[in-house]
Amino acid sequence: MDQTFLRWKVRTLTRLDLSRKGSVDQDVVPLVDLINRTEPFFTTSSCSGRIILTEPNPDSGQVILTEPNHGVQKQNLVWLLVSHQKVSAEDLVSGLGRSTGDAVLKFEPLVLHIQCRRLEDAQLMHSVAVNSGFRNSGLTVGKTGKIITAVRSTHGLEVPLTRDGRLLVGPEYVHFLVQAANQKLEENRRRIQRFYQNLQAALAPGPGQGPEPGTGPETGPEDRNFTQVYQRRRRRGRQTDCKQGDGGRQADRNHGEGGCELDMEDCLDLFS
């Protein structure tokens, strides 16, 4: 299994990026690099999050590429605006001006697919993702033995704005939607950073968990029990929160959806 996983990892990480952009999104590069340089994991696809304006393609059999991020027709959609960064009201109005159908504004948060060597590795990745605010994450096991952790969130946005090319809302609402989409993009970035920091902590060996003196990654123990180390850290964190009393718990509730409200042992025991 380990050799098969290694072949999958090498093949995936060395093949050509076939995405429309052709590269990893800037906001997620550190996280993707951390995952890919860790032995039991590698990413199979990623999108850091984006603000898009699309409408159905009236001629779905034709694919036309115009200016980058403007008027791109793909997969039965016309992409009137695509941005992985904040947008302005002028950007949105420009895209709406090209609409001839039923345009919909969307914010899509981070989507990350991670292949894991073993089920316990996937459990760890899933637990870290959920605790970082990506509450819609899940695991799948394929017929060939591929174990995938899908990292997803629920803080998206989807609003119809035109009907047959006619704008349905006023300028004030357009400005409001731009502000809302940009705020969601910022929250998404905070969650990505939290995920990166939590994953670093999860993968760091605890006391006595590192390789024996004189052994390196090639000759040392094949696996470290990352899950148990992370579980102990989370348990210590919960004990500290309990000592803080109701005030500490109230602070956690005020932290919002991105807070660490789930019991880590419940997450880690999901497939045990």
C-alpha atoms as a PDB file:
ATOM      1  CA  MET A   1       0.000   0.000   0.000  1.00  0.00           C
ATOM      2  CA  ASP A   2       2.790   2.441   0.869  1.00  0.00           C
ATOM      3  CA  GLN A   3       4.528   1.901  -2.477  1.00  0.00           C
ATOM      4  CA  THR A   4       1.243   2.288  -4.331  1.00  0.00           C
ATOM      5  CA  PHE A   5       0.532   5.504  -2.455  1.00  0.00           C
ATOM      6  CA  LEU A   6       4.020   6.796  -3.241  1.00  0.00           C
ATOM      7  CA  ARG A   7       3.484   6.118  -6.957  1.00  0.00           C
ATOM      8  CA  TRP A   8       0.171   7.966  -6.851  1.00  0.00           C
ATOM      9  CA  LYS A   9       1.803  10.900  -5.081  1.00  0.00           C
ATOM     10  CA  VAL A  10       4.736  11.177  -7.480  1.00  0.00           C
ATOM     11  CA  ARG A  11       2.497  10.883 -10.535  1.00  0.00           C
ATOM     12  CA  THR A  12       0.047  13.503  -9.273  1.00  0.00           C
ATOM     13  CA  LEU A  13       2.638  16.054  -8.181  1.00  0.00           C
ATOM     14  CA  THR A  14       4.685  15.800 -11.391  1.00  0.00           C
ATOM     15  CA  ARG A  15       1.888  15.931 -13.948  1.00  0.00           C
ATOM     16  CA  LEU A  16       0.822  19.072 -15.787  1.00  0.00           C
ATOM     17  CA  ASP A  17      -1.662  21.341 -14.014  1.00  0.00           C
ATOM     18  CA  LEU A  18      -4.753  21.152 -16.229  1.00  0.00           C
ATOM     19  CA  SER A  19      -6.766  23.797 -14.405  1.00  0.00           C
ATOM     20  CA  ARG A  20      -7.831  26.900 -16.333  1.00  0.00           C
ATOM     21  CA  LYS A  21      -5.415  29.019 -14.315  1.00  0.00           C
ATOM     22  CA  GLY A  22      -2.597  26.469 -14.648  1.00  0.00           C
ATOM     23  CA  SER A  23      -1.137  27.045 -11.168  1.00  0.00           C
ATOM     24  CA  VAL A  24      -1.974  26.921  -7.466  1.00  0.00           C
ATOM     25  CA  ASP A  25      -3.802  29.989  -6.151  1.00  0.00           C
ATOM     26  CA  GLN A  26      -1.500  32.338  -4.234  1.00  0.00           C
ATOM     27  CA  ASP A  27      -3.514  32.367  -0.999  1.00  0.00           C
ATOM     28  CA  VAL A  28      -3.286  28.605  -0.618  1.00  0.00           C
ATOM     29  CA  VAL A  29       0.330  27.995  -1.751  1.00  0.00           C
ATOM     30  CA  PRO A  30       1.825  27.703   1.794  1.00  0.00           C
ATOM     31  CA  LEU A  31      -0.892  25.251   2.857  1.00  0.00           C
ATOM     32  CA  VAL A  32      -0.553  23.148  -0.296  1.00  0.00           C
ATOM     33  CA  ASP A  33       3.245  23.068   0.083  1.00  0.00           C
ATOM     34  CA  LEU A  34       2.951  21.971   3.724  1.00  0.00           C
ATOM     35  CA  ILE A  35       0.600  19.139   2.796  1.00  0.00           C
ATOM     36  CA  ASN A  36       2.636  17.950  -0.182  1.00  0.00           C
ATOM     37  CA  ARG A  37       5.927  17.813   1.694  1.00  0.00           C
ATOM     38  CA  THR A  38       4.344  15.676   4.428  1.00  0.00           C
ATOM     39  CA  GLU A  39       4.762  11.973   3.714  1.00  0.00           C
ATOM     40  CA  PRO A  40       1.186  10.655   4.236  1.00  0.00           C
ATOM     41  CA  PHE A  41      -0.558  13.364   2.175  1.00  0.00           C
ATOM     42  CA  PHE A  42      -0.731  15.098  -1.171  1.00  0.00           C
ATOM     43  CA  THR A  43      -3.229  17.434  -2.823  1.00  0.00           C
ATOM     44  CA  THR A  44      -5.127  16.380  -5.916  1.00  0.00           C
ATOM     45  CA  SER A  45      -6.932  19.691  -6.544  1.00  0.00           C
ATOM     46  CA  SER A  46      -7.358  23.064  -4.905  1.00  0.00           C
ATOM     47  CA  CYS A  47      -9.102  26.413  -5.185  1.00  0.00           C
ATOM     48  CA  SER A  48      -8.351  29.074  -2.602  1.00  0.00           C
ATOM     49  CA  GLY A  49     -11.799  30.661  -2.946  1.00  0.00           C
ATOM     50  CA  ARG A  50     -13.171  33.049  -5.533  1.00  0.00           C
ATOM     51  CA  ILE A  51     -15.807  35.616  -6.445  1.00  0.00           C
ATOM     52  CA  ILE A  52     -17.483  34.798  -9.756  1.00  0.00           C
ATOM     53  CA  LEU A  53     -20.290  36.087 -11.946  1.00  0.00           C
ATOM     54  CA  THR A  54     -21.699  33.492 -14.341  1.00  0.00           C
ATOM     55  CA  GLU A  55     -24.692  32.849 -16.541  1.00  0.00           C
ATOM     56  CA  PRO A  56     -25.845  29.868 -18.623  1.00  0.00           C
ATOM     57  CA  ASN A  57     -24.136  29.478 -21.972  1.00  0.00           C
ATOM     58  CA  PRO A  58     -26.740  29.828 -24.738  1.00  0.00           C
ATOM     59  CA  ASP A  59     -24.534  27.735 -27.040  1.00  0.00           C
ATOM     60  CA  SER A  60     -23.173  25.050 -24.715  1.00  0.00           C
ATOM     61  CA  GLY A  61     -21.517  23.191 -27.568  1.00  0.00           C
ATOM     62  CA  GLN A  62     -19.086  26.038 -28.196  1.00  0.00           C
ATOM     63  CA  VAL A  63     -16.142  27.022 -26.006  1.00  0.00           C
ATOM     64  CA  ILE A  64     -14.813  30.549 -26.521  1.00  0.00           C
ATOM     65  CA  LEU A  65     -11.926  32.156 -24.664  1.00  0.00           C
ATOM     66  CA  THR A  66     -11.796  35.943 -24.717  1.00  0.00           C
ATOM     67  CA  GLU A  67      -9.925  38.214 -22.296  1.00  0.00           C
ATOM     68  CA  PRO A  68      -8.589  36.511 -19.149  1.00  0.00           C
ATOM     69  CA  ASN A  69     -11.289  36.347 -16.457  1.00  0.00           C
ATOM     70  CA  HIS A  70     -13.791  38.108 -18.732  1.00  0.00           C
ATOM     71  CA  GLY A  71     -16.409  36.461 -20.943  1.00  0.00           C
ATOM     72  CA  VAL A  72     -14.936  32.978 -20.526  1.00  0.00           C
ATOM     73  CA  GLN A  73     -17.328  30.259 -21.661  1.00  0.00           C
ATOM     74  CA  LYS A  74     -16.808  26.927 -19.939  1.00  0.00           C
ATOM     75  CA  GLN A  75     -18.889  23.923 -18.924  1.00  0.00           C
ATOM     76  CA  ASN A  76     -22.227  25.361 -20.092  1.00  0.00           C
ATOM     77  CA  LEU A  77     -21.501  28.668 -18.334  1.00  0.00           C
ATOM     78  CA  VAL A  78     -20.339  32.100 -19.396  1.00  0.00           C
ATOM     79  CA  TRP A  79     -17.909  33.393 -16.775  1.00  0.00           C
ATOM     80  CA  LEU A  80     -18.425  37.165 -16.742  1.00  0.00           C
ATOM     81  CA  LEU A  81     -16.147  37.772 -13.743  1.00  0.00           C
ATOM     82  CA  VAL A  82     -13.640  35.550 -11.945  1.00  0.00           C
ATOM     83  CA  SER A  83     -11.418  36.803  -9.131  1.00  0.00           C
ATOM     84  CA  HIS A  84      -9.468  35.187  -6.306  1.00  0.00           C
ATOM     85  CA  GLN A  85      -8.950  38.651  -4.819  1.00  0.00           C
ATOM     86  CA  LYS A  86     -11.328  41.354  -3.653  1.00  0.00           C
ATOM     87  CA  VAL A  87     -13.455  42.998  -6.323  1.00  0.00           C
ATOM     88  CA  SER A  88     -14.873  46.490  -6.679  1.00  0.00           C
ATOM     89  CA  ALA A  89     -18.391  47.570  -7.534  1.00  0.00           C
ATOM     90  CA  GLU A  90     -17.026  48.702 -10.900  1.00  0.00           C
ATOM     91  CA  ASP A  91     -15.745  45.159 -11.581  1.00  0.00           C
ATOM     92  CA  LEU A  92     -19.172  43.707 -10.900  1.00  0.00           C
ATOM     93  CA  VAL A  93     -21.019  46.370 -12.896  1.00  0.00           C
ATOM     94  CA  SER A  94     -18.679  45.736 -15.833  1.00  0.00           C
ATOM     95  CA  GLY A  95     -19.460  42.031 -15.736  1.00  0.00           C
ATOM     96  CA  LEU A  96     -23.183  42.662 -15.439  1.00  0.00           C
ATOM     97  CA  GLY A  97     -22.953  44.928 -18.466  1.00  0.00           C
ATOM     98  CA  ARG A  98     -21.931  41.921 -20.573  1.00  0.00           C
ATOM     99  CA  SER A  99     -24.808  39.780 -19.342  1.00  0.00           C
ATOM    100  CA  THR A 100     -27.350  38.608 -21.907  1.00  0.00           C
ATOM    101  CA  GLY A 101     -28.952  35.923 -19.762  1.00  0.00           C
ATOM    102  CA  ASP A 102     -29.551  35.126 -16.083  1.00  0.00           C
ATOM    103  CA  ALA A 103     -26.361  36.162 -14.263  1.00  0.00           C
ATOM    104  CA  VAL A 104     -25.611  34.887 -10.756  1.00  0.00           C
ATOM    105  CA  LEU A 105     -23.002  36.294  -8.370  1.00  0.00           C
ATOM    106  CA  LYS A 106     -21.261  33.691  -6.208  1.00  0.00           C
ATOM    107  CA  PHE A 107     -18.588  33.527  -3.578  1.00  0.00           C
ATOM    108  CA  GLU A 108     -17.097  30.034  -3.395  1.00  0.00           C
ATOM    109  CA  PRO A 109     -14.858  29.311  -0.369  1.00  0.00           C
ATOM    110  CA  LEU A 110     -11.770  27.085  -0.274  1.00  0.00           C
ATOM    111  CA  VAL A 111     -12.064  23.638  -1.838  1.00  0.00           C
ATOM    112  CA  LEU A 112      -9.142  21.294  -1.242  1.00  0.00           C
ATOM    113  CA  HIS A 113      -8.905  17.584  -2.036  1.00  0.00           C
ATOM    114  CA  ILE A 114      -6.178  15.687  -0.195  1.00  0.00           C
ATOM    115  CA  GLN A 115      -5.283  12.060  -0.796  1.00  0.00           C
ATOM    116  CA  CYS A 116      -4.218  10.326   2.409  1.00  0.00           C
ATOM    117  CA  ARG A 117      -2.106   7.211   2.868  1.00  0.00           C
ATOM    118  CA  ARG A 118      -4.220   5.592   5.568  1.00  0.00           C
ATOM    119  CA  LEU A 119      -7.609   6.122   7.143  1.00  0.00           C
ATOM    120  CA  GLU A 120      -6.094   7.419  10.390  1.00  0.00           C
ATOM    121  CA  ASP A 121      -4.187  10.044   8.356  1.00  0.00           C
ATOM    122  CA  ALA A 122      -7.458  11.100   6.743  1.00  0.00           C
ATOM    123  CA  GLN A 123      -9.123  11.290  10.163  1.00  0.00           C
ATOM    124  CA  LEU A 124      -6.393  13.642  11.337  1.00  0.00           C
ATOM    125  CA  MET A 125      -6.690  15.889   8.287  1.00  0.00           C
ATOM    126  CA  HIS A 126     -10.479  15.937   8.596  1.00  0.00           C
ATOM    127  CA  SER A 127     -10.314  16.868  12.276  1.00  0.00           C
ATOM    128  CA  VAL A 128      -7.880  19.716  11.651  1.00  0.00           C
ATOM    129  CA  ALA A 129     -10.052  21.021   8.796  1.00  0.00           C
ATOM    130  CA  VAL A 130     -13.242  20.971  10.870  1.00  0.00           C
ATOM    131  CA  ASN A 131     -11.535  22.707  13.792  1.00  0.00           C
ATOM    132  CA  SER A 132     -10.227  25.387  11.422  1.00  0.00           C
ATOM    133  CA  GLY A 133     -13.750  26.339  10.361  1.00  0.00           C
ATOM    134  CA  PHE A 134     -14.219  24.075   7.326  1.00  0.00           C
ATOM    135  CA  ARG A 135     -17.302  22.364   8.737  1.00  0.00           C
ATOM    136  CA  ASN A 136     -18.485  20.796   5.479  1.00  0.00           C
ATOM    137  CA  SER A 137     -15.380  18.609   5.098  1.00  0.00           C
ATOM    138  CA  GLY A 138     -15.659  14.849   4.600  1.00  0.00           C
ATOM    139  CA  LEU A 139     -13.908  11.610   3.671  1.00  0.00           C
ATOM    140  CA  THR A 140     -14.334   9.214   0.767  1.00  0.00           C
ATOM    141  CA  VAL A 141     -12.755   5.816   0.094  1.00  0.00           C
ATOM    142  CA  GLY A 142     -12.600   4.733  -3.541  1.00  0.00           C
ATOM    143  CA  LYS A 143     -12.790   1.224  -4.972  1.00  0.00           C
ATOM    144  CA  THR A 144      -9.053   1.301  -5.702  1.00  0.00           C
ATOM    145  CA  GLY A 145      -8.251   2.178  -2.085  1.00  0.00           C
ATOM    146  CA  LYS A 146      -7.753   5.900  -2.594  1.00  0.00           C
ATOM    147  CA  ILE A 147      -8.652   7.810   0.570  1.00  0.00           C
ATOM    148  CA  ILE A 148      -9.598  11.436  -0.040  1.00  0.00           C
ATOM    149  CA  THR A 149     -10.270  14.192   2.471  1.00  0.00           C
ATOM    150  CA  ALA A 150     -12.374  16.946   0.902  1.00  0.00           C
ATOM    151  CA  VAL A 151     -11.946  20.261   2.746  1.00  0.00           C
ATOM    152  CA  ARG A 152     -14.991  22.495   2.286  1.00  0.00           C
ATOM    153  CA  SER A 153     -16.852  25.243   4.081  1.00  0.00           C
ATOM    154  CA  THR A 154     -20.418  26.524   4.175  1.00  0.00           C
ATOM    155  CA  HIS A 155     -19.920  30.300   4.138  1.00  0.00           C
ATOM    156  CA  GLY A 156     -20.698  30.747   0.456  1.00  0.00           C
ATOM    157  CA  LEU A 157     -22.833  33.310  -1.338  1.00  0.00           C
ATOM    158  CA  GLU A 158     -25.152  32.951  -4.343  1.00  0.00           C
ATOM    159  CA  VAL A 159     -27.404  35.762  -5.610  1.00  0.00           C
ATOM    160  CA  PRO A 160     -29.193  36.059  -8.980  1.00  0.00           C
ATOM    161  CA  LEU A 161     -28.770  39.553 -10.423  1.00  0.00           C
ATOM    162  CA  THR A 162     -30.062  39.638 -13.999  1.00  0.00           C
ATOM    163  CA  ARG A 163     -32.931  38.168 -15.990  1.00  0.00           C
ATOM    164  CA  ASP A 164     -32.415  37.990 -19.764  1.00  0.00           C
ATOM    165  CA  GLY A 165     -29.624  40.536 -19.353  1.00  0.00           C
ATOM    166  CA  ARG A 166     -31.768  43.002 -17.375  1.00  0.00           C
ATOM    167  CA  LEU A 167     -30.450  44.036 -13.958  1.00  0.00           C
ATOM    168  CA  LEU A 168     -32.929  43.135 -11.214  1.00  0.00           C
ATOM    169  CA  VAL A 169     -31.451  45.263  -8.397  1.00  0.00           C
ATOM    170  CA  GLY A 170     -30.329  48.842  -7.851  1.00  0.00           C
ATOM    171  CA  PRO A 171     -26.800  50.272  -7.472  1.00  0.00           C
ATOM    172  CA  GLU A 172     -27.029  50.332  -3.667  1.00  0.00           C
ATOM    173  CA  TYR A 173     -27.650  46.586  -3.514  1.00  0.00           C
ATOM    174  CA  VAL A 174     -24.810  45.927  -5.972  1.00  0.00           C
ATOM    175  CA  HIS A 175     -22.436  47.805  -3.648  1.00  0.00           C
ATOM    176  CA  PHE A 176     -23.790  45.865  -0.669  1.00  0.00           C
ATOM    177  CA  LEU A 177     -23.181  42.528  -2.409  1.00  0.00           C
ATOM    178  CA  VAL A 178     -19.613  43.492  -3.305  1.00  0.00           C
ATOM    179  CA  GLN A 179     -18.930  44.345   0.327  1.00  0.00           C
ATOM    180  CA  ALA A 180     -20.500  41.067   1.507  1.00  0.00           C
ATOM    181  CA  ALA A 181     -18.513  38.982  -0.995  1.00  0.00           C
ATOM    182  CA  ASN A 182     -15.244  40.693  -0.062  1.00  0.00           C
ATOM    183  CA  GLN A 183     -15.918  40.111   3.640  1.00  0.00           C
ATOM    184  CA  LYS A 184     -16.488  36.417   2.985  1.00  0.00           C
ATOM    185  CA  LEU A 185     -13.243  36.293   1.022  1.00  0.00           C
ATOM    186  CA  GLU A 186     -11.387  37.799   3.998  1.00  0.00           C
ATOM    187  CA  GLU A 187     -12.982  35.292   6.386  1.00  0.00           C
ATOM    188  CA  ASN A 188     -11.978  32.518   4.009  1.00  0.00           C
ATOM    189  CA  ARG A 189      -8.364  33.712   4.121  1.00  0.00           C
ATOM    190  CA  ARG A 190      -8.429  33.714   7.929  1.00  0.00           C
ATOM    191  CA  ARG A 191      -9.672  30.140   7.926  1.00  0.00           C
ATOM    192  CA  ILE A 192      -6.966  29.090   5.482  1.00  0.00           C
ATOM    193  CA  GLN A 193      -4.326  30.620   7.774  1.00  0.00           C
ATOM    194  CA  ARG A 194      -5.910  28.917  10.797  1.00  0.00           C
ATOM    195  CA  PHE A 195      -5.887  25.610   8.914  1.00  0.00           C
ATOM    196  CA  TYR A 196      -2.200  26.065   8.098  1.00  0.00           C
ATOM    197  CA  GLN A 197      -1.304  26.817  11.718  1.00  0.00           C
ATOM    198  CA  ASN A 198      -3.417  23.973  13.114  1.00  0.00           C
ATOM    199  CA  LEU A 199      -1.962  21.519  10.625  1.00  0.00           C
ATOM    200  CA  GLN A 200       1.568  22.579  11.524  1.00  0.00           C
ATOM    201  CA  ALA A 201       0.749  21.903  15.178  1.00  0.00           C
ATOM    202  CA  ALA A 202      -0.842  18.561  14.356  1.00  0.00           C
ATOM    203  CA  LEU A 203       2.140  17.350  12.334  1.00  0.00           C
ATOM    204  CA  ALA A 204       4.799  18.538  14.783  1.00  0.00           C
ATOM    205  CA  PRO A 205       6.083  15.615  16.895  1.00  0.00           C
ATOM    206  CA  GLY A 206       5.275  15.850  20.569  1.00  0.00           C
ATOM    207  CA  PRO A 207       7.757  15.142  23.382  1.00  0.00           C
ATOM    208  CA  GLY A 208       9.409  11.802  22.751  1.00  0.00           C
ATOM    209  CA  GLN A 209       7.697  11.383  19.380  1.00  0.00           C
ATOM    210  CA  GLY A 210      10.616  12.317  17.119  1.00  0.00           C
ATOM    211  CA  PRO A 211      13.053   9.893  15.454  1.00  0.00           C
ATOM    212  CA  GLU A 212      15.607   8.107  17.575  1.00  0.00           C
ATOM    213  CA  PRO A 213      19.041   9.781  17.712  1.00  0.00           C
ATOM    214  CA  GLY A 214      21.061   8.916  14.638  1.00  0.00           C
ATOM    215  CA  THR A 215      18.038   8.015  12.523  1.00  0.00           C
ATOM    216  CA  GLY A 216      16.749  10.170   9.711  1.00  0.00           C
ATOM    217  CA  PRO A 217      13.589  10.074   7.664  1.00  0.00           C
ATOM    218  CA  GLU A 218      14.977   7.257   5.532  1.00  0.00           C
ATOM    219  CA  THR A 219      15.993   4.936   8.340  1.00  0.00           C
ATOM    220  CA  GLY A 220      13.842   6.077  11.246  1.00  0.00           C
ATOM    221  CA  PRO A 221      10.422   4.758  12.218  1.00  0.00           C
ATOM    222  CA  GLU A 222       8.100   4.569   9.249  1.00  0.00           C
ATOM    223  CA  ASP A 223       5.179   6.319  10.914  1.00  0.00           C
ATOM    224  CA  ARG A 224       4.567   8.773  13.716  1.00  0.00           C
ATOM    225  CA  ASN A 225       1.272   8.655  15.513  1.00  0.00           C
ATOM    226  CA  PHE A 226       0.222  12.160  14.528  1.00  0.00           C
ATOM    227  CA  THR A 227      -3.369  11.554  15.556  1.00  0.00           C
ATOM    228  CA  GLN A 228      -2.567  10.674  19.164  1.00  0.00           C
ATOM    229  CA  VAL A 229      -0.202  13.635  19.513  1.00  0.00           C
ATOM    230  CA  TYR A 230      -2.805  16.054  18.152  1.00  0.00           C
ATOM    231  CA  GLN A 231      -5.521  14.497  20.301  1.00  0.00           C
ATOM    232  CA  ARG A 232      -3.460  15.017  23.440  1.00  0.00           C
ATOM    233  CA  ARG A 233      -2.801  18.643  22.495  1.00  0.00           C
ATOM    234  CA  ARG A 234      -6.504  19.257  21.926  1.00  0.00           C
ATOM    235  CA  ARG A 235      -7.372  17.598  25.254  1.00  0.00           C
ATOM    236  CA  ARG A 236      -4.932  19.874  27.066  1.00  0.00           C
ATOM    237  CA  GLY A 237      -6.507  22.870  25.315  1.00  0.00           C
ATOM    238  CA  ARG A 238      -9.989  21.844  26.435  1.00  0.00           C
ATOM    239  CA  GLN A 239      -8.800  21.401  30.013  1.00  0.00           C
ATOM    240  CA  THR A 240      -7.384  24.951  29.917  1.00  0.00           C
ATOM    241  CA  ASP A 241     -10.697  26.275  28.590  1.00  0.00           C
ATOM    242  CA  CYS A 242     -12.585  24.530  31.387  1.00  0.00           C
ATOM    243  CA  LYS A 243     -10.387  26.217  33.993  1.00  0.00           C
ATOM    244  CA  GLN A 244     -11.372  29.581  32.520  1.00  0.00           C
ATOM    245  CA  GLY A 245     -15.006  28.926  33.428  1.00  0.00           C
ATOM    246  CA  ASP A 246     -18.052  30.351  31.695  1.00  0.00           C
ATOM    247  CA  GLY A 247     -16.130  33.381  30.488  1.00  0.00           C
ATOM    248  CA  GLY A 248     -13.815  31.209  28.417  1.00  0.00           C
ATOM    249  CA  ARG A 249     -16.721  29.266  26.952  1.00  0.00           C
ATOM    250  CA  GLN A 250     -18.537  32.481  26.110  1.00  0.00           C
ATOM    251  CA  ALA A 251     -15.431  33.733  24.294  1.00  0.00           C
ATOM    252  CA  ASP A 252     -15.403  30.538  22.244  1.00  0.00           C
ATOM    253  CA  ARG A 253     -19.050  31.028  21.299  1.00  0.00           C
ATOM    254  CA  ASN A 254     -18.371  34.612  20.280  1.00  0.00           C
ATOM    255  CA  HIS A 255     -15.595  33.436  18.003  1.00  0.00           C
ATOM    256  CA  GLY A 256     -18.187  32.254  15.502  1.00  0.00           C
ATOM    257  CA  GLU A 257     -18.231  29.369  13.074  1.00  0.00           C
ATOM    258  CA  GLY A 258     -14.480  29.324  12.749  1.00  0.00           C
ATOM    259  CA  GLY A 259     -13.979  28.561  16.449  1.00  0.00           C
ATOM    260  CA  CYS A 260     -12.927  25.232  17.895  1.00  0.00           C
ATOM    261  CA  GLU A 261     -16.313  24.227  19.233  1.00  0.00           C
ATOM    262  CA  LEU A 262     -16.293  20.548  18.267  1.00  0.00           C
ATOM    263  CA  ASP A 263     -14.954  17.859  20.515  1.00  0.00           C
ATOM    264  CA  MET A 264     -11.804  16.603  18.844  1.00  0.00           C
ATOM    265  CA  GLU A 265     -12.247  13.094  20.215  1.00  0.00           C
ATOM    266  CA  ASP A 266     -15.669  12.924  18.560  1.00  0.00           C
ATOM    267  CA  CYS A 267     -14.058  13.907  15.261  1.00  0.00           C
ATOM    268  CA  LEU A 268     -11.156  11.509  15.604  1.00  0.00           C
ATOM    269  CA  ASP A 269     -13.472   8.668  16.593  1.00  0.00           C
ATOM    270  CA  LEU A 270     -15.645   9.206  13.526  1.00  0.00           C
ATOM    271  CA  PHE A 271     -14.322   6.156  11.731  1.00  0.00           C
ATOM    272  CA  SER A 272     -12.817   4.186  14.601  1.00  0.00           C
END
